Each structure stands twice: as C-alpha cells, then as structure tokens.
C-alpha atoms as a PDB file:
ATOM      1  CA  MET A   1     -12.714 -32.190  25.577  1.00  0.00           C
ATOM      2  CA  GLY A   2      -9.453 -30.974  26.200  1.00  0.00           C
ATOM      3  CA  ASP A   3      -6.321 -33.148  24.920  1.00  0.00           C
ATOM      4  CA  GLY A   4      -3.867 -31.798  27.532  1.00  0.00           C
ATOM      5  CA  PRO A   5      -2.821 -28.485  28.901  1.00  0.00           C
ATOM      6  CA  VAL A   6      -3.386 -25.135  26.893  1.00  0.00           C
ATOM      7  CA  ARG A   7       0.210 -23.973  26.088  1.00  0.00           C
ATOM      8  CA  ASN A   8       1.158 -20.239  26.201  1.00  0.00           C
ATOM      9  CA  ASN A   9       4.530 -19.170  24.314  1.00  0.00           C
ATOM     10  CA  LEU A  10       5.388 -16.372  27.041  1.00  0.00           C
ATOM     11  CA  ALA A  11       9.081 -16.412  26.198  1.00  0.00           C
ATOM     12  CA  ARG A  12       8.599 -15.774  22.451  1.00  0.00           C
ATOM     13  CA  ASP A  13      11.066 -13.547  20.304  1.00  0.00           C
ATOM     14  CA  GLU A  14       9.828  -9.916  19.639  1.00  0.00           C
ATOM     15  CA  MET A  15      10.346  -8.685  15.956  1.00  0.00           C
ATOM     16  CA  SER A  16      13.394  -6.238  15.581  1.00  0.00           C
ATOM     17  CA  ARG A  17      12.885  -2.658  14.404  1.00  0.00           C
ATOM     18  CA  THR A  18      14.693  -3.603  11.227  1.00  0.00           C
ATOM     19  CA  THR A  19      12.372  -6.260  10.574  1.00  0.00           C
ATOM     20  CA  ILE A  20       9.484  -4.394  11.017  1.00  0.00           C
ATOM     21  CA  ASN A  21      10.639  -1.716   8.396  1.00  0.00           C
ATOM     22  CA  ALA A  22      11.805  -4.492   6.020  1.00  0.00           C
ATOM     23  CA  LEU A  23       8.262  -5.818   6.011  1.00  0.00           C
ATOM     24  CA  VAL A  24       6.728  -2.637   5.635  1.00  0.00           C
ATOM     25  CA  ALA A  25       8.652  -1.811   2.831  1.00  0.00           C
ATOM     26  CA  VAL A  26       8.050  -5.389   1.106  1.00  0.00           C
ATOM     27  CA  CYS A  27       4.283  -4.878   1.772  1.00  0.00           C
ATOM     28  CA  ALA A  28       4.314  -1.280   0.314  1.00  0.00           C
ATOM     29  CA  GLY A  29       6.283  -2.350  -2.756  1.00  0.00           C
ATOM     30  CA  THR A  30       4.163  -4.979  -3.372  1.00  0.00           C
ATOM     31  CA  PHE A  31       0.974  -3.105  -2.783  1.00  0.00           C
ATOM     32  CA  GLY A  32       2.331  -0.129  -4.717  1.00  0.00           C
ATOM     33  CA  LEU A  33       3.082  -2.290  -7.808  1.00  0.00           C
ATOM     34  CA  ALA A  34      -0.113  -4.211  -7.806  1.00  0.00           C
ATOM     35  CA  LEU A  35      -1.951  -0.725  -7.715  1.00  0.00           C
ATOM     36  CA  TYR A  36       0.168   0.461 -10.593  1.00  0.00           C
ATOM     37  CA  ALA A  37      -0.488  -2.741 -12.446  1.00  0.00           C
ATOM     38  CA  GLY A  38      -4.086  -2.573 -11.619  1.00  0.00           C
ATOM     39  CA  LEU A  39      -4.855   1.228 -11.774  1.00  0.00           C
ATOM     40  CA  ILE A  40      -2.416   2.628 -14.324  1.00  0.00           C
ATOM     41  CA  LEU A  41      -0.948  -0.097 -16.555  1.00  0.00           C
ATOM     42  CA  LEU A  42      -4.001  -2.400 -17.306  1.00  0.00           C
ATOM     43  CA  PRO A  43      -6.393   0.719 -18.526  1.00  0.00           C
ATOM     44  CA  ALA A  44      -3.327   1.950 -20.744  1.00  0.00           C
ATOM     45  CA  TRP A  45      -2.946  -1.394 -21.967  1.00  0.00           C
ATOM     46  CA  ASN A  46      -6.577  -1.933 -22.986  1.00  0.00           C
ATOM     47  CA  ALA A  47      -6.896   1.436 -24.429  1.00  0.00           C
ATOM     48  CA  TYR A  48      -5.219   0.175 -27.509  1.00  0.00           C
ATOM     49  CA  SER A  49      -5.334  -2.875 -29.803  1.00  0.00           C
ATOM     50  CA  ARG A  50      -2.319  -2.613 -31.792  1.00  0.00           C
ATOM     51  CA  LEU A  51       0.862  -4.407 -30.030  1.00  0.00           C
ATOM     52  CA  TRP A  52       3.240  -1.310 -30.972  1.00  0.00           C
ATOM     53  CA  GLU A  53       0.635   1.060 -29.369  1.00  0.00           C
ATOM     54  CA  ARG A  54       0.137  -1.192 -25.939  1.00  0.00           C
ATOM     55  CA  LEU A  55       3.559  -1.464 -25.663  1.00  0.00           C
ATOM     56  CA  ALA A  56       4.250   2.427 -26.290  1.00  0.00           C
ATOM     57  CA  ALA A  57       1.662   2.888 -23.649  1.00  0.00           C
ATOM     58  CA  THR A  58       3.373   0.703 -21.258  1.00  0.00           C
ATOM     59  CA  VAL A  59       6.658   2.576 -21.617  1.00  0.00           C
ATOM     60  CA  LEU A  60       4.917   5.925 -21.052  1.00  0.00           C
ATOM     61  CA  SER A  61       3.234   4.538 -18.045  1.00  0.00           C
ATOM     62  CA  LEU A  62       6.541   3.836 -16.533  1.00  0.00           C
ATOM     63  CA  TYR A  63       7.159   7.527 -16.719  1.00  0.00           C
ATOM     64  CA  VAL A  64       3.927   7.957 -14.156  1.00  0.00           C
ATOM     65  CA  LEU A  65       5.553   5.126 -12.019  1.00  0.00           C
ATOM     66  CA  ALA A  66       8.573   6.819 -11.792  1.00  0.00           C
ATOM     67  CA  VAL A  67       6.731  10.221 -11.021  1.00  0.00           C
ATOM     68  CA  LEU A  68       4.852   8.484  -8.214  1.00  0.00           C
ATOM     69  CA  VAL A  69       7.859   6.938  -6.460  1.00  0.00           C
ATOM     70  CA  GLY A  70       9.540  10.193  -6.454  1.00  0.00           C
ATOM     71  CA  VAL A  71       6.900  11.811  -5.110  1.00  0.00           C
ATOM     72  CA  GLY A  72       6.902   9.009  -2.305  1.00  0.00           C
ATOM     73  CA  VAL A  73      10.696   9.372  -1.738  1.00  0.00           C
ATOM     74  CA  ALA A  74      10.400  13.193  -1.477  1.00  0.00           C
ATOM     75  CA  ALA A  75       7.556  12.840   0.943  1.00  0.00           C
ATOM     76  CA  ALA A  76       9.696  10.424   2.732  1.00  0.00           C
ATOM     77  CA  LEU A  77      12.887  12.598   3.034  1.00  0.00           C
ATOM     78  CA  ALA A  78      10.652  15.674   3.953  1.00  0.00           C
ATOM     79  CA  PHE A  79       9.077  13.407   6.918  1.00  0.00           C
ATOM     80  CA  VAL A  80      12.459  12.478   8.076  1.00  0.00           C
ATOM     81  CA  TYR A  81      14.089  15.923   7.794  1.00  0.00           C
ATOM     82  CA  PHE A  82      11.263  17.780   9.467  1.00  0.00           C
ATOM     83  CA  TRP A  83      10.653  15.225  12.176  1.00  0.00           C
ATOM     84  CA  GLY A  84      13.982  15.457  14.043  1.00  0.00           C
END
C-alpha cells in the first residue's frame, strides 16, 4: 500500500506574532464587513423600492458601521490600557 516512507516536516517555520496579528485583523475585517452587509445593509436596501431611498438607506447605514467600528476600537484600546 505504501509508496514510500512517510515524511514529517519537523523543521517547519513557525508563524511570527506579527503575521498572526495581521491574519487575525484581516479575518476580523472580512467577517465584520460580511456581517455588516448581510445583517445591516441588505435589510436596509430591501426595505425600500425606489433607488434614491435605497441609496439614502445605504448612506445612513454607514453611520451604523462607523459606530460599530468606533465601539470596537474603543473596546480594544480599553483592553490594551487596562491589560498592562
């Protein structure tokens, strides 16, 4: 059954802390924007039928996104401040 010996990559490089932080930030941003689009923007867009109403709802929902980002940044800053 075996075509040869099993190889283990014991000398693999570990990810640096900076790479992990960047990966977490990108994933959080991607998931956050997807949730914003699905849970806030899409219902606001579908609540109206005229184009100008939909565009106005889209612009106003950006305020909701800005508040959510602001709360997240404030929570992160508070966490960093009180952690040390």
